Structure formats: structure tokens, C-alpha cells
Amino acid sequence: MLPIQPYGEQKRHVMSSSLICQPPGSKKVQTLLAALLILTMEFIPQILKDLKVFLRTWLERLMLIIIIIMMMPKTRSFMPNHHLEMMKLMS
């Protein structure tokens, strides 16, 4: 058997009471979430731009460090003596 569907005045009453029966504070939460979404959408281009600049500067620094390391003379003075002896034997 199908449930009885409200109509006319009864339908309006059911619709309005279902809106009233929302959990307390849910409208505030919805409003805050909507505002947060709008702000996020507003600031995403600026955040991406700042992130791009940040990553670019760190990539440039990393490349500079790699170039400096590659240009350093090939010394093995940081290695312990027994490793130096092994390196001599291998070369």
C-alpha cells in the first residue's frame, strides 16, 4: 500500500515543519562552510602563485648547490684513511 501523500495546506505545513526540524546550528554551519568555500575559491590563484614562487626559488637554490658541489675539487680528505687506501688500490 502506498503512503498517503500530503496535498494543499497540509503539504505546505509538512514542508515548513521539515525545514524547522533541522538540527540546531546547522544553518550556521552551512553558512560558515559556504563562506569558507567562497574565500578558498577567492584565494586559490594567489596561493598557487605563491607556491610556484616558493618552489622556483628552492629549485634554483638546489641547482646552485649541485653546481657548486660538482665544481668542487675531487678530494677524498673527508674519508677515513683505510678507505683512502682502498680507493688507491682500486684506481
PDB file of N, CA and C in Angstrom:
ATOM      1  N   MET A   1       0.845  -1.171   0.000  1.00  0.00           N
ATOM      2  CA  MET A   1       0.000   0.000   0.000  1.00  0.00           C
ATOM      3  C   MET A   1       0.897   1.243   0.000  1.00  0.00           C
ATOM      4  N   LEU A   2       0.552   2.231  -0.816  1.00  0.00           N
ATOM      5  CA  LEU A   2       1.325   3.460  -0.905  1.00  0.00           C
ATOM      6  C   LEU A   2       0.991   4.386   0.262  1.00  0.00           C
ATOM      7  N   PRO A   3       2.002   5.107   0.783  1.00  0.00           N
ATOM      8  CA  PRO A   3       1.702   6.065   1.856  1.00  0.00           C
ATOM      9  C   PRO A   3       0.878   7.229   1.317  1.00  0.00           C
ATOM     10  N   ILE A   4       0.100   7.815   2.178  1.00  0.00           N
ATOM     11  CA  ILE A   4      -0.749   8.948   1.778  1.00  0.00           C
ATOM     12  C   ILE A   4       0.135  10.176   1.618  1.00  0.00           C
ATOM     13  N   GLN A   5       0.066  10.803   0.446  1.00  0.00           N
ATOM     14  CA  GLN A   5       0.865  11.991   0.170  1.00  0.00           C
ATOM     15  C   GLN A   5       0.097  13.239   0.593  1.00  0.00           C
ATOM     16  N   PRO A   6       0.754  14.184   1.294  1.00  0.00           N
ATOM     17  CA  PRO A   6       0.059  15.425   1.676  1.00  0.00           C
ATOM     18  C   PRO A   6      -0.194  16.297   0.449  1.00  0.00           C
ATOM     19  N   TYR A   7      -1.256  17.092   0.516  1.00  0.00           N
ATOM     20  CA  TYR A   7      -1.569  17.994  -0.584  1.00  0.00           C
ATOM     21  C   TYR A   7      -2.167  19.274  -0.012  1.00  0.00           C
ATOM     22  N   GLY A   8      -2.103  20.359  -0.823  1.00  0.00           N
ATOM     23  CA  GLY A   8      -2.691  21.633  -0.435  1.00  0.00           C
ATOM     24  C   GLY A   8      -2.059  22.204   0.822  1.00  0.00           C
ATOM     25  N   GLU A   9      -2.922  22.647   1.770  1.00  0.00           N
ATOM     26  CA  GLU A   9      -2.484  23.255   3.035  1.00  0.00           C
ATOM     27  C   GLU A   9      -1.650  22.275   3.849  1.00  0.00           C
ATOM     28  N   GLN A  10      -2.049  21.023   3.839  1.00  0.00           N
ATOM     29  CA  GLN A  10      -1.323  20.000   4.599  1.00  0.00           C
ATOM     30  C   GLN A  10       0.114  19.849   4.049  1.00  0.00           C
ATOM     31  N   LYS A  11       0.271  19.931   2.715  1.00  0.00           N
ATOM     32  CA  LYS A  11       1.593  19.805   2.107  1.00  0.00           C
ATOM     33  C   LYS A  11       2.482  20.973   2.531  1.00  0.00           C
ATOM     34  N   ARG A  12       1.927  22.188   2.546  1.00  0.00           N
ATOM     35  CA  ARG A  12       2.701  23.357   2.968  1.00  0.00           C
ATOM     36  C   ARG A  12       3.156  23.209   4.410  1.00  0.00           C
ATOM     37  N   HIS A  13       2.299  22.686   5.261  1.00  0.00           N
ATOM     38  CA  HIS A  13       2.626  22.510   6.671  1.00  0.00           C
ATOM     39  C   HIS A  13       3.758  21.482   6.833  1.00  0.00           C
ATOM     40  N   VAL A  14       3.676  20.389   6.083  1.00  0.00           N
ATOM     41  CA  VAL A  14       4.710  19.350   6.158  1.00  0.00           C
ATOM     42  C   VAL A  14       6.043  19.897   5.673  1.00  0.00           C
ATOM     43  N   MET A  15       6.028  20.654   4.573  1.00  0.00           N
ATOM     44  CA  MET A  15       7.267  21.209   4.022  1.00  0.00           C
ATOM     45  C   MET A  15       7.896  22.192   5.001  1.00  0.00           C
ATOM     46  N   SER A  16       7.096  23.084   5.594  1.00  0.00           N
ATOM     47  CA  SER A  16       7.663  24.077   6.511  1.00  0.00           C
ATOM     48  C   SER A  16       8.154  23.420   7.796  1.00  0.00           C
ATOM     49  N   SER A  17       7.462  22.391   8.282  1.00  0.00           N
ATOM     50  CA  SER A  17       7.900  21.740   9.513  1.00  0.00           C
ATOM     51  C   SER A  17       9.190  20.960   9.290  1.00  0.00           C
ATOM     52  N   SER A  18       9.404  20.446   8.080  1.00  0.00           N
ATOM     53  CA  SER A  18      10.657  19.726   7.819  1.00  0.00           C
ATOM     54  C   SER A  18      11.833  20.695   7.786  1.00  0.00           C
ATOM     55  N   LEU A  19      11.590  21.937   7.379  1.00  0.00           N
ATOM     56  CA  LEU A  19      12.652  22.937   7.413  1.00  0.00           C
ATOM     57  C   LEU A  19      12.961  23.357   8.845  1.00  0.00           C
ATOM     58  N   ILE A  20      11.931  23.423   9.675  1.00  0.00           N
ATOM     59  CA  ILE A  20      12.111  23.831  11.066  1.00  0.00           C
ATOM     60  C   ILE A  20      12.841  22.748  11.853  1.00  0.00           C
ATOM     61  N   CYS A  21      12.680  21.496  11.466  1.00  0.00           N
ATOM     62  CA  CYS A  21      13.223  20.373  12.232  1.00  0.00           C
ATOM     63  C   CYS A  21      14.700  20.105  11.972  1.00  0.00           C
ATOM     64  N   GLN A  22      15.423  21.034  11.361  1.00  0.00           N
ATOM     65  CA  GLN A  22      16.855  20.833  11.159  1.00  0.00           C
ATOM     66  C   GLN A  22      17.565  20.886  12.508  1.00  0.00           C
ATOM     67  N   PRO A  23      18.693  20.188  12.641  1.00  0.00           N
ATOM     68  CA  PRO A  23      19.427  20.227  13.907  1.00  0.00           C
ATOM     69  C   PRO A  23      19.845  21.655  14.249  1.00  0.00           C
ATOM     70  N   PRO A  24      19.896  21.978  15.538  1.00  0.00           N
ATOM     71  CA  PRO A  24      20.263  23.348  15.916  1.00  0.00           C
ATOM     72  C   PRO A  24      21.684  23.677  15.464  1.00  0.00           C
ATOM     73  N   GLY A  25      21.849  24.853  14.905  1.00  0.00           N
ATOM     74  CA  GLY A  25      23.158  25.304  14.451  1.00  0.00           C
ATOM     75  C   GLY A  25      23.540  24.854  13.059  1.00  0.00           C
ATOM     76  N   SER A  26      22.709  24.039  12.422  1.00  0.00           N
ATOM     77  CA  SER A  26      23.088  23.528  11.099  1.00  0.00           C
ATOM     78  C   SER A  26      23.105  24.652  10.062  1.00  0.00           C
ATOM     79  N   LYS A  27      22.222  25.629  10.219  1.00  0.00           N
ATOM     80  CA  LYS A  27      22.197  26.756   9.282  1.00  0.00           C
ATOM     81  C   LYS A  27      23.483  27.570   9.413  1.00  0.00           C
ATOM     82  N   LYS A  28      23.953  27.751  10.659  1.00  0.00           N
ATOM     83  CA  LYS A  28      25.204  28.479  10.869  1.00  0.00           C
ATOM     84  C   LYS A  28      26.372  27.719  10.250  1.00  0.00           C
ATOM     85  N   VAL A  29      26.368  26.408  10.428  1.00  0.00           N
ATOM     86  CA  VAL A  29      27.443  25.583   9.865  1.00  0.00           C
ATOM     87  C   VAL A  29      27.429  25.677   8.349  1.00  0.00           C
ATOM     88  N   GLN A  30      26.235  25.612   7.752  1.00  0.00           N
ATOM     89  CA  GLN A  30      26.127  25.715   6.295  1.00  0.00           C
ATOM     90  C   GLN A  30      26.631  27.072   5.816  1.00  0.00           C
ATOM     91  N   THR A  31      26.264  28.127   6.545  1.00  0.00           N
ATOM     92  CA  THR A  31      26.700  29.474   6.171  1.00  0.00           C
ATOM     93  C   THR A  31      28.212  29.598   6.282  1.00  0.00           C
ATOM     94  N   LEU A  32      28.794  29.073   7.362  1.00  0.00           N
ATOM     95  CA  LEU A  32      30.245  29.135   7.540  1.00  0.00           C
ATOM     96  C   LEU A  32      30.973  28.334   6.462  1.00  0.00           C
ATOM     97  N   LEU A  33      30.442  27.164   6.137  1.00  0.00           N
ATOM     98  CA  LEU A  33      31.062  26.358   5.082  1.00  0.00           C
ATOM     99  C   LEU A  33      30.991  27.059   3.730  1.00  0.00           C
ATOM    100  N   ALA A  34      29.859  27.691   3.452  1.00  0.00           N
ATOM    101  CA  ALA A  34      29.714  28.423   2.189  1.00  0.00           C
ATOM    102  C   ALA A  34      30.700  29.589   2.135  1.00  0.00           C
ATOM    103  N   ALA A  35      30.830  30.322   3.253  1.00  0.00           N
ATOM    104  CA  ALA A  35      31.770  31.444   3.302  1.00  0.00           C
ATOM    105  C   ALA A  35      33.209  30.952   3.136  1.00  0.00           C
ATOM    106  N   LEU A  36      33.539  29.840   3.777  1.00  0.00           N
ATOM    107  CA  LEU A  36      34.883  29.271   3.661  1.00  0.00           C
ATOM    108  C   LEU A  36      35.169  28.842   2.226  1.00  0.00           C
ATOM    109  N   LEU A  37      34.184  28.247   1.576  1.00  0.00           N
ATOM    110  CA  LEU A  37      34.343  27.832   0.183  1.00  0.00           C
ATOM    111  C   LEU A  37      34.574  29.042  -0.720  1.00  0.00           C
ATOM    112  N   ILE A  38      33.799  30.102  -0.498  1.00  0.00           N
ATOM    113  CA  ILE A  38      33.947  31.318  -1.309  1.00  0.00           C
ATOM    114  C   ILE A  38      35.328  31.926  -1.103  1.00  0.00           C
ATOM    115  N   LEU A  39      35.773  32.017   0.162  1.00  0.00           N
ATOM    116  CA  LEU A  39      37.099  32.573   0.441  1.00  0.00           C
ATOM    117  C   LEU A  39      38.201  31.711  -0.168  1.00  0.00           C
ATOM    118  N   THR A  40      38.042  30.406  -0.073  1.00  0.00           N
ATOM    119  CA  THR A  40      39.041  29.500  -0.641  1.00  0.00           C
ATOM    120  C   THR A  40      39.129  29.691  -2.145  1.00  0.00           C
ATOM    121  N   MET A  41      37.987  29.753  -2.800  1.00  0.00           N
ATOM    122  CA  MET A  41      37.977  29.950  -4.250  1.00  0.00           C
ATOM    123  C   MET A  41      38.587  31.302  -4.613  1.00  0.00           C
ATOM    124  N   GLU A  42      38.386  32.287  -3.753  1.00  0.00           N
ATOM    125  CA  GLU A  42      38.923  33.628  -3.985  1.00  0.00           C
ATOM    126  C   GLU A  42      40.450  33.629  -3.901  1.00  0.00           C
ATOM    127  N   PHE A  43      40.998  32.882  -2.942  1.00  0.00           N
ATOM    128  CA  PHE A  43      42.433  32.945  -2.678  1.00  0.00           C
ATOM    129  C   PHE A  43      43.244  31.850  -3.362  1.00  0.00           C
ATOM    130  N   ILE A  44      42.613  30.883  -4.006  1.00  0.00           N
ATOM    131  CA  ILE A  44      43.357  29.793  -4.658  1.00  0.00           C
ATOM    132  C   ILE A  44      44.370  30.320  -5.685  1.00  0.00           C
ATOM    133  N   PRO A  45      44.017  31.265  -6.562  1.00  0.00           N
ATOM    134  CA  PRO A  45      45.026  31.753  -7.519  1.00  0.00           C
ATOM    135  C   PRO A  45      46.243  32.365  -6.822  1.00  0.00           C
ATOM    136  N   GLN A  46      46.023  33.129  -5.761  1.00  0.00           N
ATOM    137  CA  GLN A  46      47.147  33.741  -5.043  1.00  0.00           C
ATOM    138  C   GLN A  46      47.992  32.681  -4.345  1.00  0.00           C
ATOM    139  N   ILE A  47      47.336  31.683  -3.753  1.00  0.00           N
ATOM    140  CA  ILE A  47      48.060  30.597  -3.076  1.00  0.00           C
ATOM    141  C   ILE A  47      48.914  29.835  -4.086  1.00  0.00           C
ATOM    142  N   LEU A  48      48.353  29.538  -5.256  1.00  0.00           N
ATOM    143  CA  LEU A  48      49.105  28.818  -6.285  1.00  0.00           C
ATOM    144  C   LEU A  48      50.288  29.640  -6.781  1.00  0.00           C
ATOM    145  N   LYS A  49      50.080  30.949  -6.928  1.00  0.00           N
ATOM    146  CA  LYS A  49      51.160  31.821  -7.377  1.00  0.00           C
ATOM    147  C   LYS A  49      52.293  31.841  -6.355  1.00  0.00           C
ATOM    148  N   ASP A  50      51.946  31.982  -5.070  1.00  0.00           N
ATOM    149  CA  ASP A  50      52.961  31.988  -4.017  1.00  0.00           C
ATOM    150  C   ASP A  50      53.687  30.653  -3.945  1.00  0.00           C
ATOM    151  N   LEU A  51      52.962  29.558  -4.096  1.00  0.00           N
ATOM    152  CA  LEU A  51      53.573  28.229  -4.066  1.00  0.00           C
ATOM    153  C   LEU A  51      54.544  28.057  -5.236  1.00  0.00           C
ATOM    154  N   LYS A  52      54.160  28.561  -6.393  1.00  0.00           N
ATOM    155  CA  LYS A  52      55.020  28.475  -7.574  1.00  0.00           C
ATOM    156  C   LYS A  52      56.321  29.244  -7.349  1.00  0.00           C
ATOM    157  N   VAL A  53      56.221  30.455  -6.785  1.00  0.00           N
ATOM    158  CA  VAL A  53      57.411  31.260  -6.496  1.00  0.00           C
ATOM    159  C   VAL A  53      58.287  30.550  -5.471  1.00  0.00           C
ATOM    160  N   PHE A  54      57.669  30.008  -4.423  1.00  0.00           N
ATOM    161  CA  PHE A  54      58.410  29.304  -3.374  1.00  0.00           C
ATOM    162  C   PHE A  54      59.171  28.111  -3.953  1.00  0.00           C
ATOM    163  N   LEU A  55      58.476  27.290  -4.750  1.00  0.00           N
ATOM    164  CA  LEU A  55      59.120  26.113  -5.332  1.00  0.00           C
ATOM    165  C   LEU A  55      60.222  26.501  -6.313  1.00  0.00           C
ATOM    166  N   ARG A  56      59.994  27.566  -7.078  1.00  0.00           N
ATOM    167  CA  ARG A  56      61.002  28.001  -8.037  1.00  0.00           C
ATOM    168  C   ARG A  56      62.272  28.449  -7.318  1.00  0.00           C
ATOM    169  N   THR A  57      62.134  29.226  -6.235  1.00  0.00           N
ATOM    170  CA  THR A  57      63.327  29.692  -5.517  1.00  0.00           C
ATOM    171  C   THR A  57      64.076  28.522  -4.895  1.00  0.00           C
ATOM    172  N   TRP A  58      63.357  27.539  -4.356  1.00  0.00           N
ATOM    173  CA  TRP A  58      64.038  26.385  -3.765  1.00  0.00           C
ATOM    174  C   TRP A  58      64.700  25.528  -4.833  1.00  0.00           C
ATOM    175  N   LEU A  59      64.075  25.415  -5.990  1.00  0.00           N
ATOM    176  CA  LEU A  59      64.682  24.662  -7.084  1.00  0.00           C
ATOM    177  C   LEU A  59      65.955  25.357  -7.559  1.00  0.00           C
ATOM    178  N   GLU A  60      65.915  26.689  -7.653  1.00  0.00           N
ATOM    179  CA  GLU A  60      67.110  27.434  -8.043  1.00  0.00           C
ATOM    180  C   GLU A  60      68.224  27.241  -7.024  1.00  0.00           C
ATOM    181  N   ARG A  61      67.894  27.277  -5.741  1.00  0.00           N
ATOM    182  CA  ARG A  61      68.903  27.070  -4.699  1.00  0.00           C
ATOM    183  C   ARG A  61      69.494  25.665  -4.783  1.00  0.00           C
ATOM    184  N   LEU A  62      68.640  24.675  -4.993  1.00  0.00           N
ATOM    185  CA  LEU A  62      69.111  23.294  -5.092  1.00  0.00           C
ATOM    186  C   LEU A  62      70.041  23.124  -6.293  1.00  0.00           C
ATOM    187  N   MET A  63      69.679  23.720  -7.420  1.00  0.00           N
ATOM    188  CA  MET A  63      70.528  23.636  -8.605  1.00  0.00           C
ATOM    189  C   MET A  63      71.869  24.318  -8.367  1.00  0.00           C
ATOM    190  N   LEU A  64      71.859  25.449  -7.675  1.00  0.00           N
ATOM    191  CA  LEU A  64      73.097  26.154  -7.358  1.00  0.00           C
ATOM    192  C   LEU A  64      73.995  25.303  -6.466  1.00  0.00           C
ATOM    193  N   ILE A  65      73.408  24.646  -5.476  1.00  0.00           N
ATOM    194  CA  ILE A  65      74.175  23.769  -4.585  1.00  0.00           C
ATOM    195  C   ILE A  65      74.785  22.614  -5.376  1.00  0.00           C
ATOM    196  N   ILE A  66      74.008  22.023  -6.280  1.00  0.00           N
ATOM    197  CA  ILE A  66      74.520  20.918  -7.099  1.00  0.00           C
ATOM    198  C   ILE A  66      75.675  21.387  -7.973  1.00  0.00           C
ATOM    199  N   ILE A  67      75.543  22.562  -8.572  1.00  0.00           N
ATOM    200  CA  ILE A  67      76.621  23.097  -9.415  1.00  0.00           C
ATOM    201  C   ILE A  67      77.873  23.336  -8.590  1.00  0.00           C
ATOM    202  N   ILE A  68      77.718  23.907  -7.404  1.00  0.00           N
ATOM    203  CA  ILE A  68      78.872  24.158  -6.534  1.00  0.00           C
ATOM    204  C   ILE A  68      79.550  22.848  -6.157  1.00  0.00           C
ATOM    205  N   ILE A  69      78.760  21.836  -5.813  1.00  0.00           N
ATOM    206  CA  ILE A  69      79.326  20.534  -5.442  1.00  0.00           C
ATOM    207  C   ILE A  69      80.067  19.917  -6.626  1.00  0.00           C
ATOM    208  N   MET A  70      79.504  20.041  -7.820  1.00  0.00           N
ATOM    209  CA  MET A  70      80.151  19.462  -8.997  1.00  0.00           C
ATOM    210  C   MET A  70      81.450  20.185  -9.339  1.00  0.00           C
ATOM    211  N   MET A  71      81.540  21.473  -9.040  1.00  0.00           N
ATOM    212  CA  MET A  71      82.736  22.246  -9.362  1.00  0.00           C
ATOM    213  C   MET A  71      83.827  22.107  -8.306  1.00  0.00           C
ATOM    214  N   MET A  72      83.493  21.552  -7.160  1.00  0.00           N
ATOM    215  CA  MET A  72      84.496  21.385  -6.105  1.00  0.00           C
ATOM    216  C   MET A  72      85.555  20.391  -6.563  1.00  0.00           C
ATOM    217  N   PRO A  73      86.795  20.606  -6.123  1.00  0.00           N
ATOM    218  CA  PRO A  73      87.840  19.634  -6.488  1.00  0.00           C
ATOM    219  C   PRO A  73      87.536  18.265  -5.896  1.00  0.00           C
ATOM    220  N   LYS A  74      87.941  17.260  -6.603  1.00  0.00           N
ATOM    221  CA  LYS A  74      87.650  15.887  -6.173  1.00  0.00           C
ATOM    222  C   LYS A  74      88.640  15.459  -5.093  1.00  0.00           C
ATOM    223  N   THR A  75      88.381  15.839  -3.877  1.00  0.00           N
ATOM    224  CA  THR A  75      89.237  15.423  -2.762  1.00  0.00           C
ATOM    225  C   THR A  75      88.494  14.389  -1.948  1.00  0.00           C
ATOM    226  N   ARG A  76      89.262  13.513  -1.355  1.00  0.00           N
ATOM    227  CA  ARG A  76      88.654  12.493  -0.518  1.00  0.00           C
ATOM    228  C   ARG A  76      89.156  12.629   0.914  1.00  0.00           C
ATOM    229  N   SER A  77      89.492  13.825   1.301  1.00  0.00           N
ATOM    230  CA  SER A  77      90.065  14.041   2.629  1.00  0.00           C
ATOM    231  C   SER A  77      89.044  13.792   3.739  1.00  0.00           C
ATOM    232  N   PHE A  78      87.781  13.793   3.386  1.00  0.00           N
ATOM    233  CA  PHE A  78      86.760  13.553   4.409  1.00  0.00           C
ATOM    234  C   PHE A  78      86.623  12.076   4.742  1.00  0.00           C
ATOM    235  N   MET A  79      87.266  11.213   3.950  1.00  0.00           N
ATOM    236  CA  MET A  79      87.134   9.779   4.176  1.00  0.00           C
ATOM    237  C   MET A  79      88.215   9.298   5.143  1.00  0.00           C
ATOM    238  N   PRO A  80      87.926   8.306   5.945  1.00  0.00           N
ATOM    239  CA  PRO A  80      88.955   7.741   6.830  1.00  0.00           C
ATOM    240  C   PRO A  80      90.100   7.133   6.017  1.00  0.00           C
ATOM    241  N   ASN A  81      91.237   6.981   6.649  1.00  0.00           N
ATOM    242  CA  ASN A  81      92.455   6.531   5.954  1.00  0.00           C
ATOM    243  C   ASN A  81      92.312   5.166   5.307  1.00  0.00           C
ATOM    244  N   HIS A  82      91.668   4.216   5.958  1.00  0.00           N
ATOM    245  CA  HIS A  82      91.577   2.890   5.353  1.00  0.00           C
ATOM    246  C   HIS A  82      90.743   2.915   4.070  1.00  0.00           C
ATOM    247  N   HIS A  83      89.782   3.815   3.982  1.00  0.00           N
ATOM    248  CA  HIS A  83      89.025   3.959   2.736  1.00  0.00           C
ATOM    249  C   HIS A  83      89.902   4.574   1.649  1.00  0.00           C
ATOM    250  N   LEU A  84      90.780   5.487   2.046  1.00  0.00           N
ATOM    251  CA  LEU A  84      91.687   6.085   1.069  1.00  0.00           C
ATOM    252  C   LEU A  84      92.609   5.026   0.471  1.00  0.00           C
ATOM    253  N   GLU A  85      93.094   4.140   1.317  1.00  0.00           N
ATOM    254  CA  GLU A  85      93.959   3.067   0.834  1.00  0.00           C
ATOM    255  C   GLU A  85      93.207   2.169  -0.154  1.00  0.00           C
ATOM    256  N   MET A  86      91.972   1.867   0.159  1.00  0.00           N
ATOM    257  CA  MET A  86      91.175   1.033  -0.739  1.00  0.00           C
ATOM    258  C   MET A  86      90.933   1.745  -2.067  1.00  0.00           C
ATOM    259  N   MET A  87      90.705   3.044  -1.998  1.00  0.00           N
ATOM    260  CA  MET A  87      90.475   3.805  -3.224  1.00  0.00           C
ATOM    261  C   MET A  87      91.734   3.803  -4.094  1.00  0.00           C
ATOM    262  N   LYS A  88      92.909   3.891  -3.464  1.00  0.00           N
ATOM    263  CA  LYS A  88      94.163   3.862  -4.219  1.00  0.00           C
ATOM    264  C   LYS A  88      94.337   2.513  -4.907  1.00  0.00           C
ATOM    265  N   LEU A  89      93.997   1.448  -4.187  1.00  0.00           N
ATOM    266  CA  LEU A  89      94.128   0.119  -4.766  1.00  0.00           C
ATOM    267  C   LEU A  89      93.177  -0.085  -5.942  1.00  0.00           C
ATOM    268  N   MET A  90      92.011   0.486  -5.856  1.00  0.00           N
ATOM    269  CA  MET A  90      91.007   0.307  -6.907  1.00  0.00           C
ATOM    270  C   MET A  90      91.325   1.126  -8.152  1.00  0.00           C
ATOM    271  N   SER A  91      92.030   2.246  -8.003  1.00  0.00           N
ATOM    272  CA  SER A  91      92.284   3.100  -9.172  1.00  0.00           C
ATOM    273  C   SER A  91      93.554   2.755  -9.904  1.00  0.00           C
TER     274      SER A  91
END
